[in-house]
């Protein structure tokens, strides 16, 4: 799915699936459907701007006219369909338009998921490594589309990847021919769950352990992993994806070379990339240790690396609080809740994210740390390890 500036068609935005993805805390139904907060400073509220929602087939890889077109690729978490990200993708495009910056947002389903399968259930044979190839295919599509559409006008292009969970890990695997176009990356996640083996996180640890321990039995019974059918925590996923996910969860390196669990896949061909990683404090799949392990993978392998732990923001409301003495409500975000509409309506997080995704600006300067800069002499700068050719 791509979102393109258009003049004669207004799509109907799909409603997100009602599943409670990854056991995230939910906003009360009454609050979620309350009147949306409209801020006068919201650059995305251009009333005369319309979008065209267009489905395209993307093969997996084997004047005020802007000088740059920004392509934003949104890669989902495991078991999450592309429609879950539609509202965020639409917001990014509108935000760019309000500043006379053309943005093309691309959401997609990995093979075996959503609209990238032609059967009712995900029975296709594939793994996370194949999903990496799908990500490359989307990047190929952006480059080809730009060359066919803008090359005669001499317009430059930038590719920005916004990835959540496994979608963030796929951003590490950039082929060398696509590296010059890849400029910024947003969000991230490290899935190794052994750091949660503590009293504080014991319930989450045991629940996650049970989830992955059931993979062999349930995939044999169903022919796919019924994470949605049985656990009601996301969508059903292909068997091979479930097995590689299970393998990574038990491996302190997380994503490793195919067939070699001792060789981690490290960021490659990312020397031009500035990375902004937000970790949300109420994400039960993330803690201080796991975040640190993910961050360290990029030191010496990217241009700059920024990081912030996002505390639950105070929930904005359209009406004054009935009891001023009560503490303000705080917005739940969790593992994948950042892409929900209520984050757009009840906080400034989407606006802050767009400033970085589109323009490369860090707006939350008071709370954002710079963990690595290529020009810094204090951080070692090993060469990226080329390990993606075997995927």
Protein backbone atom coordinates (compact mmCIF):
# COMPACT_ATOMS: atom_id res chain seq x y z
CA UNK A 1 0.00 0.00 0.00
CA UNK A 2 1.31 3.42 -0.87
CA UNK A 3 -0.03 6.83 0.12
CA UNK A 4 0.43 9.46 -2.55
CA UNK A 5 -0.59 13.15 -2.66
CA UNK A 6 -3.67 13.31 -4.89
CA UNK A 7 -6.46 15.72 -5.76
CA UNK A 8 -9.65 13.81 -6.60
CA UNK A 9 -9.97 10.84 -4.29
CA UNK A 10 -10.42 10.46 -0.55
CA UNK A 11 -9.92 6.98 0.86
CA UNK A 12 -11.79 5.51 3.74
CA UNK A 13 -9.19 4.71 6.35
CA UNK A 14 -9.47 1.11 7.55
CA UNK A 15 -10.18 0.53 11.18
CA UNK A 16 -7.43 -1.28 13.04
CA UNK A 17 -8.08 -4.85 14.09
CA UNK A 18 -9.56 -4.99 17.57
CA UNK A 19 -7.12 -7.62 18.82
CA UNK A 20 -5.13 -6.52 21.83
CA UNK A 21 -1.73 -6.93 20.18
CA UNK A 22 1.03 -8.19 22.46
CA UNK A 23 -1.10 -7.74 25.58
CA UNK A 24 -0.67 -3.95 25.48
CA UNK A 25 -2.82 -1.95 27.87
CA UNK A 26 -5.75 -0.40 26.05
CA UNK A 27 -7.34 3.02 26.31
CA UNK A 28 -10.88 2.78 27.65
CA UNK A 29 -13.35 2.37 24.80
CA UNK A 30 -15.20 5.52 25.84
CA UNK A 31 -11.99 7.53 25.76
CA UNK A 32 -10.76 6.05 22.49
CA UNK A 33 -13.94 7.09 20.69
CA UNK A 34 -14.22 10.49 22.34
CA UNK A 35 -14.04 13.66 20.28
CA UNK A 36 -10.57 13.96 18.76
CA UNK A 37 -8.40 16.79 19.99
CA UNK A 38 -7.63 19.26 17.20
CA UNK A 39 -4.60 21.44 17.89
CA UNK A 40 -4.17 24.71 16.03
CA UNK A 41 -0.45 24.02 15.79
CA UNK A 42 -0.94 20.62 14.13
CA UNK A 43 0.75 20.91 10.73
CA UNK A 44 -1.10 17.83 9.45
CA UNK A 45 -4.58 19.37 9.54
CA UNK A 46 -4.53 20.79 6.01
CA UNK A 47 -8.21 20.65 5.03
CA UNK A 48 -7.76 20.94 1.26
CA UNK A 49 -5.31 18.09 0.95
CA UNK A 50 -6.46 14.64 -0.09
CA UNK A 51 -4.74 11.32 -0.40
CA UNK A 52 -4.85 8.46 -2.81
CA UNK A 53 -4.64 4.99 -1.35
CA UNK A 54 -3.19 2.69 -3.96
CA UNK A 55 -2.51 -1.04 -3.87
CA UNK A 56 0.56 -2.17 -5.74
CA UNK A 57 2.25 -5.53 -6.20
CA UNK A 58 5.82 -5.34 -4.92
CA UNK A 59 8.04 -8.31 -5.77
CA UNK A 60 10.49 -9.52 -3.20
CA UNK A 61 14.08 -8.88 -4.15
CA UNK A 62 16.28 -11.57 -5.65
CA UNK A 63 7.96 26.74 -7.52
CA UNK A 64 7.32 24.92 -4.28
CA UNK A 65 8.18 21.65 -5.85
CA UNK A 66 10.48 19.90 -3.37
CA UNK A 67 14.06 19.06 -4.21
CA UNK A 68 13.78 15.78 -2.34
CA UNK A 69 11.05 13.15 -2.17
CA UNK A 70 10.99 11.24 1.12
CA UNK A 71 9.88 7.62 0.99
CA UNK A 72 8.79 6.30 4.38
CA UNK A 73 8.69 2.50 4.62
CA UNK A 74 6.79 1.19 7.64
CA UNK A 75 7.72 -2.37 8.62
CA UNK A 76 5.38 -4.08 11.05
CA UNK A 77 5.88 -6.22 14.11
CA UNK A 78 5.34 -9.97 13.84
CA UNK A 79 1.67 -10.81 13.41
CA UNK A 80 0.57 -7.24 12.67
CA UNK A 81 -1.07 -6.37 9.35
CA UNK A 82 -0.22 -3.28 7.36
CA UNK A 83 -3.63 -1.68 7.93
CA UNK A 84 -2.70 -1.28 11.59
CA UNK A 85 -0.23 1.42 10.46
CA UNK A 86 -2.48 3.21 7.98
CA UNK A 87 -3.40 6.15 10.20
CA UNK A 88 0.23 6.82 11.04
CA UNK A 89 1.22 6.56 7.37
CA UNK A 90 -1.53 9.01 6.43
CA UNK A 91 -0.41 11.42 9.14
CA UNK A 92 3.20 11.35 7.91
CA UNK A 93 2.13 12.19 4.35
CA UNK A 94 -0.12 15.04 5.47
CA UNK A 95 2.54 16.40 7.81
CA UNK A 96 5.03 16.60 4.96
CA UNK A 97 2.50 18.23 2.65
CA UNK A 98 1.85 20.99 5.20
CA UNK A 99 5.54 21.92 4.91
CA UNK A 100 5.66 21.63 1.10
CA UNK A 101 7.59 18.38 1.37
CA UNK A 102 6.44 15.46 -0.74
CA UNK A 103 6.30 12.27 1.29
CA UNK A 104 5.30 8.87 -0.04
CA UNK A 105 4.48 6.38 2.69
CA UNK A 106 4.56 2.66 1.96
CA UNK A 107 3.02 0.03 4.19
CA UNK A 108 3.19 -3.63 3.27
CA UNK A 109 2.49 -7.13 4.51
CA UNK A 110 5.28 -9.67 4.76
CA UNK A 111 4.77 -12.83 2.74
CA UNK A 112 2.20 -15.09 4.37
CA UNK A 113 0.51 -12.16 6.12
CA UNK A 114 -2.49 -9.98 5.28
CA UNK A 115 -2.74 -9.12 1.61
CA UNK A 116 0.52 -10.91 0.82
CA UNK A 117 -1.17 -14.29 0.92
CA UNK A 118 -3.94 -15.72 -1.25
CA UNK A 119 -5.24 -18.34 1.18
CA UNK A 120 -7.21 -18.05 4.38
CA UNK A 121 -4.42 -19.18 6.71
CA UNK A 122 -0.63 -18.54 6.67
CA UNK A 123 0.46 -21.98 5.47
CA UNK A 124 3.30 -20.68 3.28
CA UNK A 125 6.84 -21.84 4.07
CA UNK A 126 8.92 -18.81 5.04
CA UNK A 127 10.95 -17.33 7.88
CA UNK A 128 12.18 -13.98 9.18
CA UNK A 129 14.99 -14.17 6.63
CA UNK A 130 12.42 -14.19 3.82
CA UNK A 131 10.73 -11.19 5.41
CA UNK A 132 14.08 -9.42 5.14
CA UNK A 133 13.98 -10.01 1.39
CA UNK A 134 10.47 -8.57 1.31
CA UNK A 135 11.79 -5.40 2.95
CA UNK A 136 14.50 -5.17 0.30
CA UNK A 137 11.83 -5.57 -2.37
CA UNK A 138 9.92 -2.59 -0.98
CA UNK A 139 13.10 -0.51 -1.09
CA UNK A 140 13.66 -1.63 -4.69
CA UNK A 141 10.12 -0.54 -5.50
CA UNK A 142 10.71 2.93 -4.04
CA UNK A 143 13.89 3.39 -6.07
CA UNK A 144 12.24 2.20 -9.29
CA UNK A 145 9.15 4.33 -8.71
CA UNK A 146 11.29 7.41 -8.10
CA UNK A 147 13.39 6.82 -11.20
CA UNK A 148 10.29 6.45 -13.36
CA UNK A 149 8.44 9.40 -11.82
CA UNK A 150 10.99 12.05 -10.88
CA UNK A 151 14.30 11.30 -12.60
CA UNK A 152 13.76 13.72 -15.51
CA UNK A 153 13.16 16.54 -13.02
CA UNK A 154 16.41 15.92 -11.17
CA UNK A 155 14.67 15.33 -7.84
CA UNK A 156 16.66 13.54 -5.18
CA UNK A 157 15.20 10.82 -2.98
CA UNK A 158 15.59 9.71 0.61
CA UNK A 159 14.40 6.44 2.09
CA UNK A 160 13.40 6.44 5.74
CA UNK A 161 12.49 3.22 7.53
CA UNK A 162 10.14 3.15 10.49
CA UNK A 163 10.24 -0.30 12.04
CA UNK A 164 8.70 -1.88 15.09
CA UNK A 165 9.84 -5.17 16.67
CA UNK A 166 11.06 -7.48 13.85
CA UNK A 167 10.50 -4.55 11.48
CA UNK A 168 13.25 -2.71 13.32
CA UNK A 169 15.62 -5.62 12.96
CA UNK A 170 15.05 -5.82 9.21
CA UNK A 171 16.47 -2.29 8.97
CA UNK A 172 19.88 -3.73 9.79
CA UNK A 173 19.97 -5.79 6.61
CA UNK A 174 20.52 -3.17 3.93
CA UNK A 175 22.05 -4.31 0.61
CA UNK A 176 24.99 -2.18 -0.47
CA UNK A 177 23.31 -0.92 -3.66
CA UNK A 178 20.44 0.57 -1.63
CA UNK A 179 22.61 2.09 1.11
CA UNK A 180 23.07 5.53 -0.54
CA UNK A 181 19.30 6.13 -0.48
CA UNK A 182 18.77 5.06 3.14
CA UNK A 183 19.07 8.16 5.35
CA UNK A 184 17.09 7.73 8.57
CA UNK A 185 15.65 4.97 10.72
CA UNK A 186 13.09 5.28 13.50
CA UNK A 187 12.14 3.10 16.46
CA UNK A 188 13.57 -0.26 17.41
CA UNK A 189 13.29 -3.34 19.61
CA UNK A 190 15.36 -6.20 20.99
CA UNK A 191 13.43 -9.42 21.55
CA UNK A 192 15.72 -11.61 23.69
CA UNK A 193 13.52 -12.26 26.71
CA UNK A 194 15.95 -13.83 29.20
CA UNK A 195 16.65 -10.39 30.77
CA UNK A 196 13.04 -10.51 32.00
CA UNK A 197 13.79 -13.50 34.22
CA UNK A 198 13.31 -11.54 37.43
CA UNK A 199 10.67 -11.26 40.12
CA UNK A 200 9.34 -8.02 38.67
CA UNK A 201 8.78 -9.49 35.21
CA UNK A 202 8.15 -13.12 36.17
CA UNK A 203 4.54 -13.27 34.99
CA UNK A 204 5.49 -11.82 31.62
CA UNK A 205 8.50 -14.15 31.43
CA UNK A 206 6.44 -17.28 32.14
CA UNK A 207 3.69 -16.26 29.74
CA UNK A 208 6.21 -15.59 26.97
CA UNK A 209 8.02 -18.85 27.69
CA UNK A 210 4.73 -20.77 27.42
CA UNK A 211 3.93 -18.94 24.18
CA UNK A 212 7.14 -20.07 22.49
CA UNK A 213 7.18 -23.52 24.09
CA UNK A 214 3.88 -24.22 22.34
CA UNK A 215 5.28 -23.61 18.84
CA UNK A 216 6.18 -27.26 17.96
CA UNK A 217 2.87 -28.70 19.16
CA UNK A 218 0.54 -26.05 17.78
CA UNK A 219 2.22 -25.74 14.38
CA UNK A 220 1.93 -29.52 13.98
CA UNK A 221 -1.76 -29.39 14.86
CA UNK A 222 -2.69 -26.38 12.70
CA UNK A 223 -0.12 -26.23 9.90
CA UNK A 224 0.74 -22.69 11.02
CA UNK A 225 1.23 -20.98 14.37
CA UNK A 226 -2.22 -19.96 15.71
CA UNK A 227 -1.06 -16.96 17.72
CA UNK A 228 -4.34 -15.23 16.89
CA UNK A 229 -6.64 -18.24 16.88
CA UNK A 230 -5.44 -19.61 20.22
CA UNK A 231 -3.73 -16.78 22.09
CA UNK A 232 -5.76 -13.84 20.69
CA UNK A 233 -2.66 -11.66 20.98
CA UNK A 234 -2.00 -10.88 17.30
CA UNK A 235 -2.52 -12.59 13.92
CA UNK A 236 -1.72 -16.18 12.96
CA UNK A 237 1.78 -16.51 11.46
CA UNK A 238 3.59 -19.03 9.22
CA UNK A 239 5.29 -22.01 10.86
CA UNK A 240 8.79 -21.03 9.71
CA UNK A 241 8.37 -17.53 11.09
CA UNK A 242 7.27 -18.93 14.44
CA UNK A 243 10.31 -21.21 14.62
CA UNK A 244 12.83 -18.49 13.77
CA UNK A 245 11.11 -16.13 16.20
CA UNK A 246 11.34 -18.81 18.89
CA UNK A 247 15.02 -19.35 18.12
CA UNK A 248 15.81 -15.64 18.32
CA UNK A 249 13.96 -15.20 21.61
CA UNK A 250 16.28 -17.70 23.29
CA UNK A 251 19.45 -16.31 21.70
CA UNK A 252 21.29 -13.38 23.37
CA UNK A 253 22.34 -12.25 19.87
CA UNK A 254 18.67 -12.39 18.79
CA UNK A 255 18.88 -12.30 14.96
CA UNK A 256 21.71 -14.50 13.69
CA UNK A 257 22.96 -15.91 10.41
CA UNK A 258 20.83 -18.69 8.93
CA UNK A 259 22.07 -21.99 10.32
CA UNK A 260 24.64 -20.36 12.61
CA UNK A 261 23.18 -19.21 15.96
CA UNK A 262 26.58 -18.00 17.17
CA UNK A 263 27.04 -15.34 14.47
CA UNK A 264 24.79 -12.32 15.01
CA UNK A 265 23.50 -10.27 12.11
CA UNK A 266 24.84 -6.79 12.74
CA UNK A 267 23.88 -3.52 11.03
CA UNK A 268 25.55 -3.29 7.64
CA UNK A 269 25.75 -0.58 4.97
CA UNK A 270 24.31 2.00 7.37
CA UNK A 271 27.13 4.57 7.36
CA UNK A 272 24.72 7.21 5.98
CA UNK A 273 21.92 6.48 8.47
CA UNK A 274 20.85 8.53 11.47
CA UNK A 275 18.85 6.36 13.88
CA UNK A 276 16.29 7.47 16.48
CA UNK A 277 15.22 4.71 18.85
CA UNK A 278 12.29 5.25 21.18
CA UNK A 279 11.71 2.69 23.93
CA UNK A 280 8.39 2.98 25.74
CA UNK A 281 8.45 2.50 29.49
CA UNK A 282 5.24 0.43 29.54
CA UNK A 283 6.40 -1.97 26.82
CA UNK A 284 6.53 -5.32 28.64
CA UNK A 285 8.77 -6.73 25.90
CA UNK A 286 11.48 -4.15 26.59
CA UNK A 287 13.66 -3.37 29.58
CA UNK A 288 16.92 -1.54 30.25
CA UNK A 289 19.15 -4.52 29.46
CA UNK A 290 17.45 -5.55 26.23
CA UNK A 291 17.36 -1.97 24.95
CA UNK A 292 21.06 -1.52 25.70
CA UNK A 293 21.89 -4.67 23.72
CA UNK A 294 19.97 -3.39 20.71
CA UNK A 295 21.51 0.08 20.87
CA UNK A 296 25.07 -1.24 21.08
CA UNK A 297 24.71 -3.08 17.78
CA UNK A 298 24.70 0.25 15.95
CA UNK A 299 27.74 1.87 17.56
CA UNK A 300 30.34 2.33 14.86
CA UNK A 301 27.93 1.12 12.19
CA UNK A 302 25.79 4.18 11.51
CA UNK A 303 26.18 7.95 11.17
CA UNK A 304 24.43 8.94 14.42
CA UNK A 305 22.36 7.13 17.01
CA UNK A 306 19.81 8.87 19.26
CA UNK A 307 17.85 7.21 22.04
CA UNK A 308 15.07 8.09 24.46
CA UNK A 309 12.97 6.19 26.97
CA UNK A 310 9.47 7.55 26.41
CA UNK A 311 7.48 7.83 29.60
CA UNK A 312 3.73 7.50 29.36
CA UNK A 313 2.63 11.00 28.26
CA UNK A 314 -0.11 12.90 30.03
CA UNK A 315 -3.30 12.23 28.10
CA UNK A 316 -4.68 15.32 26.40
CA UNK A 317 -8.44 15.74 26.64
CA UNK A 318 -10.95 17.94 24.82
CA UNK A 319 -12.71 18.90 28.07
CA UNK A 320 -11.38 20.02 31.47
CA UNK A 321 -10.99 17.33 34.11
CA UNK A 322 -14.11 16.89 36.27
CA UNK A 323 -11.95 16.67 39.38
CA UNK A 324 -8.84 18.88 39.23
CA UNK A 325 -7.50 17.15 42.35
CA UNK A 326 -7.12 13.83 40.57
CA UNK A 327 -3.75 13.10 38.94
CA UNK A 328 -3.82 13.38 35.15
CA UNK A 329 -4.39 10.23 33.15
CA UNK A 330 -1.40 8.90 31.27
CA UNK A 331 -1.52 7.37 27.83
CA UNK A 332 -0.73 3.65 27.50
CA UNK A 333 1.53 2.78 24.57
CA UNK A 334 3.07 -0.64 25.17
CA UNK A 335 4.76 -2.63 22.40
CA UNK A 336 2.77 -1.62 19.31
CA UNK A 337 0.35 0.99 20.65
CA UNK A 338 2.39 3.89 19.26
CA UNK A 339 0.60 3.43 15.93
CA UNK A 340 -2.91 3.74 17.42
CA UNK A 341 -4.99 6.82 16.63
CA UNK A 342 -5.30 7.82 20.26
CA UNK A 343 -1.54 8.49 20.37
CA UNK A 344 -2.06 10.99 17.55
CA UNK A 345 -5.06 12.59 19.25
CA UNK A 346 -3.92 12.58 22.88
CA UNK A 347 -0.19 13.39 22.65
CA UNK A 348 2.50 15.10 20.53
CA UNK A 349 4.45 11.90 19.85
CA UNK A 350 3.42 11.54 16.20
CA UNK A 351 4.33 15.17 15.55
CA UNK A 352 7.75 14.71 17.16
CA UNK A 353 8.30 11.49 15.20
CA UNK A 354 7.44 13.19 11.90
CA UNK A 355 9.95 15.96 12.52
CA UNK A 356 12.66 13.31 12.59
CA UNK A 357 11.28 10.96 9.94
CA UNK A 358 10.73 13.68 7.33
CA UNK A 359 13.26 16.37 8.23
CA UNK A 360 15.81 14.63 10.45
CA UNK A 361 15.11 16.99 13.37
CA UNK A 362 15.34 15.95 17.01
CA UNK A 363 12.65 17.99 18.77
CA UNK A 364 12.71 16.32 22.19
CA UNK A 365 16.18 17.66 22.89
CA UNK A 366 15.80 17.75 26.65
CA UNK A 367 15.21 14.02 26.98
CA UNK A 368 16.94 12.53 23.91
CA UNK A 369 20.46 11.16 24.31
CA UNK A 370 22.98 10.87 21.51
CA UNK A 371 24.64 7.53 22.10
CA UNK A 372 26.90 7.50 19.06
CA UNK A 373 28.19 9.89 16.42
CA UNK A 374 30.50 8.91 13.58
CA UNK A 375 32.65 11.97 14.26
CA UNK A 376 33.11 11.06 17.93
CA UNK A 377 36.56 9.81 18.97
CA UNK A 378 35.20 8.20 22.13
CA UNK A 379 33.37 5.30 20.50
CA UNK A 380 35.13 2.51 18.57
CA UNK A 381 34.29 2.37 14.90
CA UNK A 382 34.53 -1.22 13.65
CA UNK A 383 33.63 -1.89 10.06
CA UNK A 384 30.14 -3.25 9.44
CA UNK A 385 30.06 -7.01 9.03
CA UNK A 386 28.66 -8.12 5.68
CA UNK A 387 26.38 -10.97 6.66
CA UNK A 388 23.20 -10.35 4.78
CA UNK A 389 24.19 -12.08 1.54
CA UNK A 390 23.17 -15.46 2.94
CA UNK A 391 19.56 -14.52 3.68
